[in-house]
Amino acid sequence: MVMTVREWAQKSFSEETERPDSFLERFRGPTNTDMQAPPSRKRKCNVKVLSPSDDAYYYWLLVIGAAVFYNWTLLVVRACFDELQMRNVLVWLVLDYICDGVYILDIAVRLHTGFLDQGLMVKDTRRLREAYIQTFQCKSDICSILPTDLLYLTVGISYTPLLRFNRLLRLPRLFEWFERTETRTGYPNAFRICKLVLYILVIIHWNACVYYSFSKVLGLGSDSWVYPNASDPEFGSLTRSYIYCLYWSTLTLTTIGETPPPVRDEEYLFLIFDFLVGVLIFASIVGNVGSMISNMNATRAGFQSRVDTLKHYMQFRHVSKALEQRVIRWFDYLWTNQKTIDEQEVLRSLPNKLRAEIAINVHLETLKKVRIFQDCEAGLLVELVLKLRPQVFSPGDYICRKGDVGKEMYIIKDGQLAVVGEDGATQYAVLTSGSCFGEISILNISGSKMGNRRTANIRSLGYSDLFCLSKQDLMDALQEFPHARAQLEQRGRDILRKEGLLEEVNVSAGEELEEKVERLETSLDRLQTSMARLQSEFNSSQLRLKQRITTLEHNVTTVATCSGFLSDGVESVFGGDGVCSEINIRL
């Protein structure tokens, strides 16, 4: 059954796979599926191993989760309400044994579920089996399929649900499905609310069944607190019995009250326990629902806070009404078109490779139209995409003016821009999605008459979404890709030559000057190396000279000391100055 589900999932996904985009394939490179493993000499048995991230594994969790939910909801009600169990014995036996079969298959699935070891998926069945057997979950799974329900042959078939309570040990599989669904769904807050409501309903359901069983132990209709006697026609039906107990459980656990007061000590203790559980449930409801609502409105609250702060600032600074309305309309455009999310902040936790791939997928249609991205290397594409910053301009805003110092280049994502004259009304051209401009002024092309100044006035016709790339970011990216830089500079020269803003003489002179500067830098490096070597040799020679002088000074001091000692001895023996001088000289 597991293999059938897996093959069906793979077949459906392969049919829905779209044709790969060449632009993305060039950026991504070969995938794991494209890399074929080397042929093995030994022919091994093809054993399917599921990955916890596969869709087939997720769908299997849905199947085992349904079986666990069946046992957690129906076993207790069948154990408490004997009439429900005895009315459809054959149906319950079939459903029970189907769930048992699913439980057994789940053990087989666990034995063939891979895990990561040093970042690689382990698919060795022997290692998978050993890892699963050593876990506590293996013992719990085995206990959950023990045939304890066969004891009904001795105690009676009405006790079958009670004998099957070991099936409740598979609850972690249901929790696992909840966790993976919460990760996969596009509406996690709504799913959390539904899960919380489900938990509350199950607790109320269990409490209702326990209340009915407790009433049977004390005696149905024995007092006003327990469930009335079944001999009463109004409370004799199975439906009325369950609904009344469910109603009583809801009132008690929600701490609403309005139920008959207890009479016996046992009833007081039972009700105290229920009230405590009800307080915890109520606190859980308030806390979780409040947190979910806050998370659902977090984006709107943050955006509204920014708008309110800016409104207060404009009122405090007495900004004109016309400008204030433009700012408010700009914020309204951002919220209406869902452009309030800071993409850099959202993707900050991802590695650069994934961030770049997400950015390319999100802005694929725009980037494919940009000529500078058509033939660039994948590494440069990563560098540029990660440095792009989105900007939104209002109708009539000037993106750049002729003569301004160029510090950024722009790529049009959405909207239309016009190249206008000095009067702001005459339109020379209209730029649309995929066009880029501003690279000429930030490339510092040799021979350009404008230098790093803007060469045209560009104005937004409506709301325009642009990508901005600063000069420093572009230079850092192009530093390691000289071929792409040469292409951009050549494109800029062509545009400048077409507009008559390029001086060809200065270009060649600039190139010769660059060569001279490079030669001077090379010569300076050689001189610095030679100077460092000479300095090292000088230091070494000076050190040796100091050592020799120190040795000589030591020798002279020793000779002088010996000379003084001998002169005193000679004078006492010979008593003559001339002989003493002669002896000193000889020494």
Protein backbone atom coordinates (compact mmCIF):
# COMPACT_ATOMS: atom_id res chain seq x y z
CA MET A 1 0.00 0.00 0.00
CA VAL A 2 2.84 2.38 0.85
CA MET A 3 4.58 1.64 -2.45
CA THR A 4 1.36 2.21 -4.36
CA VAL A 5 0.82 5.58 -2.71
CA ARG A 6 4.43 6.58 -3.42
CA GLU A 7 4.25 5.56 -7.12
CA TRP A 8 0.95 7.41 -7.53
CA ALA A 9 2.44 10.57 -5.97
CA GLN A 10 5.55 10.42 -8.16
CA LYS A 11 3.45 9.87 -11.28
CA SER A 12 1.13 12.79 -10.52
CA PHE A 13 4.04 15.11 -9.78
CA SER A 14 5.91 14.11 -12.93
CA GLU A 15 2.85 14.90 -15.04
CA GLU A 16 2.51 18.34 -13.47
CA THR A 17 6.20 19.21 -13.81
CA GLU A 18 6.60 22.28 -15.99
CA ARG A 19 9.20 22.70 -18.68
CA PRO A 20 12.46 23.88 -17.04
CA ASP A 21 13.46 27.46 -17.70
CA SER A 22 16.87 27.84 -19.37
CA PHE A 23 17.57 31.01 -17.42
CA LEU A 24 17.08 29.23 -14.10
CA GLU A 25 18.87 26.06 -15.24
CA ARG A 26 21.97 28.09 -16.14
CA PHE A 27 21.94 29.69 -12.72
CA ARG A 28 21.22 26.56 -10.68
CA GLY A 29 23.56 24.19 -12.44
CA PRO A 30 23.10 20.41 -12.37
CA THR A 31 20.73 19.07 -9.75
CA ASN A 32 21.01 15.90 -7.76
CA THR A 33 18.56 14.13 -10.04
CA ASP A 34 20.77 14.93 -13.05
CA MET A 35 23.80 13.29 -11.47
CA GLN A 36 23.76 9.58 -12.14
CA ALA A 37 25.40 7.29 -9.66
CA PRO A 38 28.25 5.13 -10.93
CA PRO A 39 27.15 1.66 -12.04
CA SER A 40 27.40 -0.94 -9.31
CA ARG A 41 29.00 -4.27 -10.00
CA LYS A 42 26.65 -6.16 -7.72
CA ARG A 43 22.97 -6.15 -8.39
CA LYS A 44 21.15 -5.22 -5.23
CA CYS A 45 17.52 -5.49 -4.31
CA ASN A 46 15.67 -2.23 -5.00
CA VAL A 47 14.25 -1.28 -1.60
CA LYS A 48 12.19 1.89 -1.35
CA VAL A 49 13.30 4.29 1.38
CA LEU A 50 11.09 7.24 2.26
CA SER A 51 12.45 10.63 3.16
CA PRO A 52 10.63 12.55 5.92
CA SER A 53 10.38 15.49 3.54
CA ASP A 54 8.69 13.49 0.75
CA ASP A 55 5.05 14.05 -0.10
CA ALA A 56 4.40 10.31 0.07
CA TYR A 57 5.57 10.27 3.69
CA TYR A 58 3.28 13.20 4.47
CA TYR A 59 0.28 11.46 2.93
CA TRP A 60 1.08 8.33 4.92
CA LEU A 61 1.08 10.45 8.09
CA LEU A 62 -2.42 11.52 7.10
CA VAL A 63 -3.51 7.85 6.90
CA ILE A 64 -1.98 6.81 10.21
CA GLY A 65 -3.22 10.02 11.80
CA ALA A 66 -6.79 9.18 10.79
CA ALA A 67 -6.45 5.75 12.42
CA VAL A 68 -5.07 7.30 15.62
CA PHE A 69 -7.85 9.88 15.69
CA TYR A 70 -10.43 7.11 15.25
CA ASN A 71 -9.12 5.26 18.28
CA TRP A 72 -8.83 8.39 20.43
CA THR A 73 -12.41 9.49 19.79
CA LEU A 74 -14.43 6.27 19.44
CA LEU A 75 -12.79 3.84 21.83
CA VAL A 76 -13.69 5.88 24.89
CA VAL A 77 -17.29 6.49 23.84
CA ARG A 78 -17.77 2.80 23.01
CA ALA A 79 -16.24 1.80 26.36
CA CYS A 80 -18.57 4.12 28.31
CA PHE A 81 -21.79 3.73 26.32
CA ASP A 82 -22.45 0.00 26.15
CA GLU A 83 -25.43 0.43 23.86
CA LEU A 84 -23.25 1.99 21.16
CA GLN A 85 -20.79 -0.89 21.34
CA MET A 86 -23.38 -3.67 21.25
CA ARG A 87 -25.52 -2.10 18.53
CA ASN A 88 -22.89 -2.39 15.71
CA VAL A 89 -20.44 -5.05 16.83
CA LEU A 90 -19.51 -6.23 13.32
CA VAL A 91 -18.87 -2.70 12.06
CA TRP A 92 -16.60 -1.94 15.00
CA LEU A 93 -14.64 -5.16 14.53
CA VAL A 94 -14.00 -4.37 10.85
CA LEU A 95 -12.92 -0.81 11.59
CA ASP A 96 -10.75 -1.91 14.49
CA TYR A 97 -8.87 -4.49 12.46
CA ILE A 98 -8.41 -2.05 9.56
CA CYS A 99 -6.77 0.35 12.00
CA ASP A 100 -4.63 -2.51 13.32
CA GLY A 101 -3.49 -3.22 9.77
CA VAL A 102 -2.58 0.45 9.32
CA TYR A 103 -0.62 0.32 12.59
CA ILE A 104 1.37 -2.69 11.38
CA LEU A 105 2.08 -1.01 8.04
CA ASP A 106 3.25 2.05 9.94
CA ILE A 107 5.97 -0.02 11.61
CA ALA A 108 7.12 -1.12 8.15
CA VAL A 109 7.13 2.52 7.02
CA ARG A 110 9.22 3.51 10.03
CA LEU A 111 11.72 0.75 9.20
CA HIS A 112 12.08 2.27 5.71
CA THR A 113 12.14 5.96 6.65
CA GLY A 114 15.55 7.54 6.12
CA PHE A 115 17.28 10.07 8.31
CA LEU A 116 20.07 12.57 7.80
CA ASP A 117 23.61 11.74 8.80
CA GLN A 118 26.21 14.47 8.15
CA GLY A 119 23.76 16.10 5.76
CA LEU A 120 23.17 12.97 3.66
CA MET A 121 20.09 10.76 3.61
CA VAL A 122 20.79 7.31 5.06
CA LYS A 123 19.19 4.62 2.88
CA ASP A 124 20.86 1.53 4.28
CA THR A 125 18.00 -0.66 5.54
CA ARG A 126 20.22 -2.31 8.15
CA ARG A 127 21.17 1.05 9.70
CA LEU A 128 17.56 2.21 9.53
CA ARG A 129 16.38 -0.91 11.30
CA GLU A 130 19.01 -0.66 14.03
CA ALA A 131 18.31 3.04 14.61
CA TYR A 132 14.55 2.45 14.89
CA ILE A 133 14.83 -0.54 17.22
CA GLN A 134 16.95 1.45 19.68
CA THR A 135 14.35 4.19 20.06
CA PHE A 136 11.60 4.36 22.66
CA GLN A 137 9.07 4.84 19.88
CA CYS A 138 9.73 1.30 18.65
CA LYS A 139 8.74 -0.16 22.01
CA SER A 140 5.69 2.06 22.12
CA ASP A 141 4.65 0.99 18.60
CA ILE A 142 5.00 -2.68 19.50
CA CYS A 143 2.90 -2.20 22.64
CA SER A 144 0.22 -0.45 20.61
CA ILE A 145 -0.35 -3.49 18.35
CA LEU A 146 -0.40 -6.19 21.03
CA PRO A 147 -3.63 -8.22 20.54
CA THR A 148 -5.04 -7.42 23.96
CA ASP A 149 -8.54 -7.18 22.50
CA LEU A 150 -8.60 -10.98 22.10
CA LEU A 151 -9.31 -11.16 25.80
CA TYR A 152 -12.92 -10.36 24.92
CA LEU A 153 -13.30 -14.10 24.32
CA THR A 154 -12.98 -14.45 28.10
CA VAL A 155 -14.52 -11.29 29.58
CA GLY A 156 -17.10 -10.58 26.91
CA ILE A 157 -17.32 -8.53 23.73
CA SER A 158 -18.69 -5.47 25.52
CA TYR A 159 -15.22 -4.94 27.05
CA THR A 160 -13.46 -4.87 23.67
CA PRO A 161 -13.01 -1.05 23.51
CA LEU A 162 -11.52 -1.01 26.99
CA LEU A 163 -9.09 -3.79 26.04
CA ARG A 164 -7.93 -1.80 23.01
CA PHE A 165 -6.75 1.25 24.94
CA ASN A 166 -3.14 0.36 24.15
CA ARG A 167 -3.87 1.66 20.60
CA LEU A 168 -3.78 5.16 22.04
CA LEU A 169 0.02 4.98 22.29
CA ARG A 170 0.34 6.01 18.61
CA LEU A 171 -0.64 9.60 19.44
CA PRO A 172 2.82 11.03 18.48
CA ARG A 173 2.11 10.16 14.83
CA LEU A 174 -0.93 12.43 14.89
CA PHE A 175 1.13 15.22 16.42
CA GLU A 176 3.77 14.72 13.72
CA TRP A 177 1.14 15.16 11.02
CA PHE A 178 -0.05 18.34 12.72
CA GLU A 179 3.49 19.75 12.76
CA ARG A 180 4.18 18.97 9.11
CA THR A 181 0.79 20.34 8.03
CA GLU A 182 1.46 23.57 9.93
CA THR A 183 4.77 23.87 8.08
CA ARG A 184 3.31 23.12 4.65
CA THR A 185 0.06 25.08 4.77
CA GLY A 186 -0.19 28.62 3.47
CA TYR A 187 -2.52 29.58 6.33
CA PRO A 188 -0.65 28.54 9.49
CA ASN A 189 -2.65 30.78 11.85
CA ALA A 190 -6.00 29.40 10.69
CA PHE A 191 -4.66 25.86 11.03
CA ARG A 192 -3.46 26.57 14.59
CA ILE A 193 -6.93 27.82 15.53
CA CYS A 194 -8.56 24.72 14.07
CA LYS A 195 -6.08 22.49 15.90
CA LEU A 196 -6.79 24.27 19.19
CA VAL A 197 -10.54 23.87 18.72
CA LEU A 198 -10.04 20.19 17.95
CA TYR A 199 -8.04 19.69 21.16
CA ILE A 200 -10.78 21.37 23.19
CA LEU A 201 -13.52 19.26 21.60
CA VAL A 202 -11.62 16.03 22.27
CA ILE A 203 -11.10 16.99 25.93
CA ILE A 204 -14.79 17.85 26.31
CA HIS A 205 -15.69 14.56 24.58
CA TRP A 206 -13.52 12.52 26.96
CA ASN A 207 -14.85 14.38 29.99
CA ALA A 208 -18.44 13.68 28.90
CA CYS A 209 -17.72 9.97 28.59
CA VAL A 210 -15.99 9.87 31.99
CA TYR A 211 -18.96 11.71 33.56
CA TYR A 212 -21.37 9.09 32.20
CA SER A 213 -19.20 6.21 33.46
CA PHE A 214 -18.86 7.89 36.86
CA SER A 215 -22.64 8.25 37.00
CA LYS A 216 -23.05 4.54 36.25
CA VAL A 217 -20.66 3.68 39.09
CA LEU A 218 -22.58 5.88 41.54
CA GLY A 219 -25.92 4.78 40.14
CA LEU A 220 -27.91 6.42 37.36
CA GLY A 221 -30.58 8.69 38.80
CA SER A 222 -29.40 8.10 42.40
CA ASP A 223 -29.26 11.86 43.00
CA SER A 224 -29.69 15.13 41.14
CA TRP A 225 -26.02 15.45 40.10
CA VAL A 226 -25.53 12.15 38.26
CA TYR A 227 -27.07 11.33 34.89
CA PRO A 228 -30.81 10.52 35.18
CA ASN A 229 -32.02 6.94 35.15
CA ALA A 230 -32.42 5.36 31.73
CA SER A 231 -35.94 4.29 32.69
CA ASP A 232 -37.00 7.88 32.11
CA PRO A 233 -38.22 8.04 28.49
CA GLU A 234 -36.74 11.51 28.06
CA PHE A 235 -33.22 10.32 28.91
CA GLY A 236 -33.40 6.73 27.72
CA SER A 237 -32.10 7.12 24.15
CA LEU A 238 -28.41 6.84 23.28
CA THR A 239 -28.38 10.17 21.46
CA ARG A 240 -29.88 12.04 24.42
CA SER A 241 -27.44 10.36 26.80
CA TYR A 242 -24.36 11.48 24.85
CA ILE A 243 -25.65 15.00 24.09
CA TYR A 244 -26.63 15.57 27.75
CA CYS A 245 -23.18 14.45 28.94
CA LEU A 246 -21.50 16.58 26.29
CA TYR A 247 -23.56 19.58 27.38
CA TRP A 248 -22.69 19.00 31.03
CA SER A 249 -18.99 18.65 30.17
CA THR A 250 -19.01 21.86 28.12
CA LEU A 251 -20.62 23.88 30.92
CA THR A 252 -18.21 22.50 33.49
CA LEU A 253 -14.95 22.84 31.56
CA THR A 254 -15.77 26.33 30.33
CA THR A 255 -16.47 27.28 33.99
CA ILE A 256 -19.94 28.51 33.10
CA GLY A 257 -21.58 26.32 35.73
CA GLU A 258 -25.40 26.20 35.84
CA THR A 259 -25.29 22.43 36.49
CA PRO A 260 -26.93 20.59 39.41
CA PRO A 261 -24.79 20.86 42.57
CA PRO A 262 -22.95 17.75 43.77
CA VAL A 263 -24.31 15.73 46.69
CA ARG A 264 -21.67 13.16 47.62
CA ASP A 265 -18.00 13.64 48.46
CA GLU A 266 -16.95 11.76 45.34
CA GLU A 267 -18.99 14.13 43.22
CA TYR A 268 -17.40 17.15 44.87
CA LEU A 269 -13.89 15.81 44.14
CA PHE A 270 -14.80 15.00 40.55
CA LEU A 271 -16.22 18.47 40.02
CA ILE A 272 -13.17 20.14 41.60
CA PHE A 273 -10.90 18.29 39.21
CA ASP A 274 -13.09 19.29 36.28
CA PHE A 275 -13.03 22.94 37.32
CA LEU A 276 -9.24 22.90 37.50
CA VAL A 277 -9.03 21.38 34.04
CA GLY A 278 -11.56 23.95 32.83
CA VAL A 279 -9.46 26.84 34.15
CA LEU A 280 -6.44 25.51 32.26
CA ILE A 281 -8.50 25.13 29.08
CA PHE A 282 -9.92 28.63 29.38
CA ALA A 283 -6.44 30.11 29.92
CA SER A 284 -5.14 28.12 26.96
CA ILE A 285 -7.96 29.36 24.73
CA VAL A 286 -7.47 33.00 25.67
CA GLY A 287 -3.68 32.87 25.37
CA ASN A 288 -3.49 30.95 22.10
CA VAL A 289 -6.30 32.75 20.33
CA GLY A 290 -4.93 36.13 21.41
CA SER A 291 -1.46 35.21 20.18
CA MET A 292 -2.81 33.93 16.85
CA ILE A 293 -4.86 37.06 16.26
CA SER A 294 -1.83 39.19 17.07
CA ASN A 295 0.28 37.24 14.59
CA MET A 296 -2.39 37.49 11.92
CA ASN A 297 -2.54 41.28 12.29
CA ALA A 298 1.15 41.85 12.96
CA THR A 299 1.90 43.04 9.42
CA ARG A 300 -1.06 45.38 9.35
CA ALA A 301 -0.30 46.75 12.82
CA GLY A 302 3.34 47.42 11.97
CA PHE A 303 2.42 49.13 8.71
CA GLN A 304 -0.27 51.25 10.36
CA SER A 305 2.19 52.27 13.07
CA ARG A 306 4.61 53.56 10.42
CA VAL A 307 1.84 55.52 8.71
CA ASP A 308 0.61 57.05 11.98
CA THR A 309 4.14 58.06 12.99
CA LEU A 310 4.70 59.76 9.66
CA LYS A 311 1.32 61.55 9.86
CA HIS A 312 2.17 62.94 13.30
CA TYR A 313 5.55 64.09 12.02
CA MET A 314 4.06 65.88 8.99
CA GLN A 315 1.48 67.59 11.18
CA PHE A 316 4.14 68.65 13.67
CA ARG A 317 6.33 70.07 10.89
CA HIS A 318 3.36 71.72 9.12
CA VAL A 319 3.86 69.88 5.84
CA SER A 320 1.56 71.08 3.07
CA LYS A 321 -1.69 69.19 2.53
CA ALA A 322 -0.81 68.36 -1.07
CA LEU A 323 2.46 66.70 -0.09
CA GLU A 324 0.76 64.92 2.82
CA GLN A 325 -1.83 63.48 0.45
CA ARG A 326 0.91 62.26 -1.90
CA VAL A 327 2.61 60.46 0.99
CA ILE A 328 -0.66 58.86 2.13
CA ARG A 329 -1.47 57.73 -1.43
CA TRP A 330 2.02 56.23 -1.69
CA PHE A 331 1.46 54.21 1.49
CA ASP A 332 -1.97 53.17 0.24
CA TYR A 333 -0.40 51.90 -2.98
CA LEU A 334 2.13 49.86 -0.99
CA TRP A 335 -0.58 48.21 1.13
CA THR A 336 -2.98 47.60 -1.75
CA ASN A 337 -0.31 45.91 -3.86
CA GLN A 338 1.21 44.02 -0.90
CA LYS A 339 4.59 45.72 -1.10
CA THR A 340 4.99 46.43 2.60
CA ILE A 341 7.17 43.40 3.37
CA ASP A 342 10.89 44.01 3.78
CA GLU A 343 12.31 41.26 1.60
CA GLN A 344 15.84 41.70 2.91
CA GLU A 345 14.67 41.22 6.49
CA VAL A 346 12.52 38.19 5.64
CA LEU A 347 15.30 36.40 3.73
CA ARG A 348 18.13 37.35 6.07
CA SER A 349 18.20 33.95 7.81
CA LEU A 350 18.72 32.05 4.51
CA PRO A 351 22.15 31.37 2.97
CA ASN A 352 23.16 33.53 0.02
CA LYS A 353 22.57 30.78 -2.54
CA LEU A 354 18.95 30.22 -1.48
CA ARG A 355 18.32 33.95 -1.14
CA ALA A 356 19.57 34.55 -4.67
CA GLU A 357 17.50 31.66 -6.07
CA ILE A 358 14.35 32.91 -4.35
CA ALA A 359 14.96 36.43 -5.64
CA ILE A 360 15.47 35.13 -9.18
CA ASN A 361 12.30 33.02 -9.03
CA VAL A 362 10.24 35.88 -7.64
CA HIS A 363 11.56 38.43 -10.14
CA LEU A 364 12.23 36.01 -13.00
CA GLU A 365 10.09 37.74 -15.62
CA THR A 366 11.82 41.06 -14.97
CA LEU A 367 15.37 39.75 -14.81
CA LYS A 368 14.99 37.81 -18.06
CA LYS A 369 14.32 41.09 -19.87
CA VAL A 370 17.45 42.80 -18.54
CA ARG A 371 20.19 42.61 -21.13
CA ILE A 372 23.06 42.76 -18.65
CA PHE A 373 21.78 39.56 -17.03
CA GLN A 374 21.38 37.58 -20.25
CA ASP A 375 25.01 36.52 -20.72
CA CYS A 376 26.49 37.15 -17.29
CA GLU A 377 28.06 34.41 -15.22
CA ALA A 378 26.08 32.67 -12.49
CA GLY A 379 28.41 34.02 -9.79
CA LEU A 380 27.89 37.60 -10.93
CA LEU A 381 24.15 37.01 -11.10
CA VAL A 382 24.17 35.94 -7.45
CA GLU A 383 26.20 38.99 -6.41
CA LEU A 384 23.96 41.46 -8.26
CA VAL A 385 20.63 39.95 -7.27
CA LEU A 386 21.53 39.95 -3.57
CA LYS A 387 22.44 43.65 -3.74
CA LEU A 388 19.24 44.82 -5.48
CA ARG A 389 17.03 47.02 -3.30
CA PRO A 390 13.37 47.58 -4.27
CA GLN A 391 12.05 51.14 -4.47
CA VAL A 392 8.62 52.53 -5.33
CA PHE A 393 8.12 55.92 -6.98
CA SER A 394 4.90 57.92 -7.19
CA PRO A 395 3.48 59.53 -10.35
CA GLY A 396 5.54 62.54 -11.39
CA ASP A 397 8.59 61.68 -9.27
CA TYR A 398 12.00 62.25 -10.87
CA ILE A 399 14.21 59.23 -10.55
CA CYS A 400 17.22 61.21 -11.75
CA ARG A 401 17.93 64.60 -13.34
CA LYS A 402 20.46 65.49 -15.99
CA GLY A 403 23.71 66.66 -14.44
CA ASP A 404 23.20 64.96 -11.05
CA VAL A 405 26.02 62.89 -9.67
CA GLY A 406 25.27 59.25 -10.40
CA LYS A 407 25.39 56.97 -7.38
CA GLU A 408 22.90 54.24 -8.39
CA MET A 409 21.65 52.35 -11.40
CA TYR A 410 18.03 51.24 -11.75
CA ILE A 411 16.14 48.28 -13.23
CA ILE A 412 12.43 48.66 -13.95
CA LYS A 413 10.35 45.87 -12.44
CA ASP A 414 6.89 47.29 -13.09
CA GLY A 415 5.56 50.58 -14.37
CA GLN A 416 6.60 53.09 -17.04
CA LEU A 417 9.26 55.80 -16.95
CA ALA A 418 9.69 58.65 -19.43
CA VAL A 419 12.88 60.32 -20.63
CA VAL A 420 11.84 63.97 -20.60
CA GLY A 421 13.40 67.29 -21.53
CA GLU A 422 14.33 70.17 -19.32
CA ASP A 423 10.74 71.40 -19.29
CA GLY A 424 9.53 68.09 -17.85
CA ALA A 425 6.79 67.73 -20.48
CA THR A 426 8.60 66.74 -23.67
CA GLN A 427 9.00 62.97 -23.84
CA TYR A 428 11.85 61.49 -25.86
CA ALA A 429 11.34 57.83 -24.93
CA VAL A 430 9.37 55.55 -22.61
CA LEU A 431 11.08 52.86 -20.56
CA THR A 432 9.10 49.75 -19.59
CA SER A 433 9.59 46.62 -17.51
CA GLY A 434 13.05 45.10 -17.88
CA SER A 435 14.81 48.32 -18.94
CA CYS A 436 17.82 49.52 -16.98
CA PHE A 437 19.45 52.92 -16.84
CA GLY A 438 22.00 54.84 -14.82
CA GLU A 439 24.91 52.46 -15.38
CA ILE A 440 26.79 55.02 -17.53
CA SER A 441 27.22 57.56 -14.74
CA ILE A 442 28.44 55.02 -12.18
CA LEU A 443 30.92 53.18 -14.46
CA ASN A 444 33.23 56.24 -14.88
CA ILE A 445 33.79 55.49 -18.57
CA SER A 446 37.01 57.01 -19.94
CA GLY A 447 36.40 59.79 -22.43
CA SER A 448 32.91 60.62 -21.24
CA LYS A 449 32.20 64.35 -21.40
CA MET A 450 29.66 64.00 -18.59
CA GLY A 451 32.01 62.15 -16.24
CA ASN A 452 29.91 60.64 -13.48
CA ARG A 453 26.97 62.94 -14.14
CA ARG A 454 23.50 61.89 -15.29
CA THR A 455 22.89 62.27 -19.01
CA ALA A 456 19.06 62.50 -19.02
CA ASN A 457 15.98 63.38 -17.00
CA ILE A 458 13.86 60.33 -16.12
CA ARG A 459 10.43 60.72 -14.60
CA SER A 460 7.84 58.22 -13.39
CA LEU A 461 4.56 58.29 -15.34
CA GLY A 462 2.63 56.33 -12.70
CA TYR A 463 3.52 54.18 -9.72
CA SER A 464 6.76 52.44 -10.64
CA ASP A 465 8.57 49.56 -8.95
CA LEU A 466 12.32 49.70 -9.49
CA PHE A 467 15.36 47.79 -8.38
CA CYS A 468 18.21 50.01 -7.22
CA LEU A 469 21.89 49.00 -7.36
CA SER A 470 24.41 51.36 -5.76
CA LYS A 471 27.75 52.24 -7.34
CA GLN A 472 29.78 50.67 -4.55
CA ASP A 473 27.82 47.40 -4.76
CA LEU A 474 28.21 47.25 -8.53
CA MET A 475 31.96 47.92 -8.36
CA ASP A 476 32.39 45.24 -5.70
CA ALA A 477 30.52 42.73 -7.85
CA LEU A 478 32.35 43.58 -11.09
CA GLN A 479 35.78 43.50 -9.48
CA GLU A 480 35.92 39.72 -9.79
CA PHE A 481 34.26 39.62 -13.23
CA PRO A 482 36.32 41.77 -15.65
CA HIS A 483 34.58 40.35 -18.72
CA ALA A 484 31.17 41.55 -17.55
CA ARG A 485 32.62 44.92 -16.65
CA ALA A 486 34.11 45.26 -20.14
CA GLN A 487 30.69 44.48 -21.65
CA LEU A 488 28.99 47.15 -19.55
CA GLU A 489 31.65 49.72 -20.38
CA GLN A 490 31.39 48.92 -24.09
CA ARG A 491 27.64 49.32 -23.96
CA GLY A 492 28.09 52.66 -22.20
CA ARG A 493 30.60 53.84 -24.84
CA ASP A 494 28.17 52.95 -27.61
CA ILE A 495 25.44 55.02 -25.97
CA LEU A 496 27.78 57.96 -25.33
CA ARG A 497 29.13 57.79 -28.89
CA LYS A 498 25.60 57.81 -30.26
CA GLU A 499 24.78 60.94 -28.25
CA GLY A 500 28.11 62.63 -29.07
CA LEU A 501 29.32 62.63 -25.47
CA LEU A 502 32.44 60.49 -26.00
CA GLU A 503 35.91 61.80 -26.81
CA GLU A 504 37.83 59.11 -28.67
CA VAL A 505 41.23 60.79 -28.20
CA ASN A 506 40.80 60.95 -24.53
CA VAL A 507 39.92 57.28 -24.51
CA SER A 508 43.25 56.21 -26.01
CA ALA A 509 45.13 58.75 -23.91
CA GLY A 510 43.36 57.46 -20.86
CA GLU A 511 44.34 53.91 -21.76
CA GLU A 512 48.00 54.95 -22.19
CA LEU A 513 47.86 56.77 -18.89
CA GLU A 514 46.50 53.69 -17.20
CA GLU A 515 49.35 51.62 -18.64
CA LYS A 516 51.90 54.14 -17.36
CA VAL A 517 50.30 54.11 -13.94
CA GLU A 518 50.44 50.33 -13.90
CA ARG A 519 54.15 50.40 -14.87
CA LEU A 520 54.86 52.96 -12.17
CA GLU A 521 53.04 50.85 -9.62
CA THR A 522 55.11 47.82 -10.66
CA SER A 523 58.36 49.76 -10.38
CA LEU A 524 57.31 51.13 -7.01
CA ASP A 525 56.60 47.62 -5.78
CA ARG A 526 60.10 46.49 -6.87
CA LEU A 527 61.71 49.49 -5.16
CA GLN A 528 59.81 48.80 -1.99
CA THR A 529 60.97 45.17 -2.08
CA SER A 530 64.60 46.21 -2.59
CA MET A 531 64.37 48.81 0.16
CA ALA A 532 62.98 46.24 2.55
CA ARG A 533 65.85 43.87 1.71
CA LEU A 534 68.48 46.58 2.22
CA GLN A 535 66.89 47.56 5.51
CA SER A 536 67.04 43.97 6.66
CA GLU A 537 70.70 43.65 5.66
CA PHE A 538 71.56 46.94 7.40
CA ASN A 539 69.89 45.81 10.60
CA SER A 540 71.78 42.52 10.49
CA SER A 541 75.13 44.24 9.91
CA GLN A 542 74.49 46.73 12.69
CA LEU A 543 73.67 43.90 15.07
CA ARG A 544 76.91 42.06 14.24
CA LEU A 545 78.94 45.26 14.67
CA LYS A 546 77.40 45.88 18.09
CA GLN A 547 78.29 42.36 19.14
CA ARG A 548 81.94 42.82 18.08
CA ILE A 549 82.25 46.15 19.91
CA THR A 550 80.80 44.59 23.04
CA THR A 551 83.36 41.76 22.83
CA LEU A 552 86.26 44.19 22.39
CA GLU A 553 85.12 46.30 25.33
CA HIS A 554 84.99 43.20 27.50
CA ASN A 555 88.53 42.17 26.47
CA VAL A 556 89.94 45.65 27.12
CA THR A 557 88.37 45.74 30.57
CA THR A 558 89.87 42.36 31.41
CA VAL A 559 93.39 43.40 30.27
CA ALA A 560 93.25 46.65 32.24
CA THR A 561 92.30 44.77 35.41
CA CYS A 562 95.17 42.30 35.00
CA SER A 563 97.66 45.11 34.27
CA GLY A 564 96.88 46.95 37.51
CA PHE A 565 97.37 43.79 39.58
CA LEU A 566 100.78 42.97 38.04
CA SER A 567 102.13 46.53 38.38
CA ASP A 568 101.62 46.49 42.17
CA GLY A 569 103.48 43.19 42.54
CA VAL A 570 106.50 44.22 40.45
CA GLU A 571 107.03 47.50 42.34
CA SER A 572 107.18 45.68 45.63
CA VAL A 573 109.81 43.22 44.33
CA PHE A 574 112.11 45.36 42.21
CA GLY A 575 111.37 48.80 43.58
CA GLY A 576 111.92 50.50 40.18
CA ASP A 577 109.53 52.38 37.91
CA GLY A 578 111.42 51.57 34.74
CA VAL A 579 111.18 47.83 35.20
CA CYS A 580 107.48 48.07 35.99
CA SER A 581 106.81 49.95 32.80
CA GLU A 582 108.73 47.40 30.82
CA ILE A 583 106.79 44.54 32.32
CA ASN A 584 103.45 46.27 31.62
CA ILE A 585 104.40 46.89 28.04
CA ARG A 586 105.40 43.27 27.59
CA LEU A 587 102.12 42.10 29.07
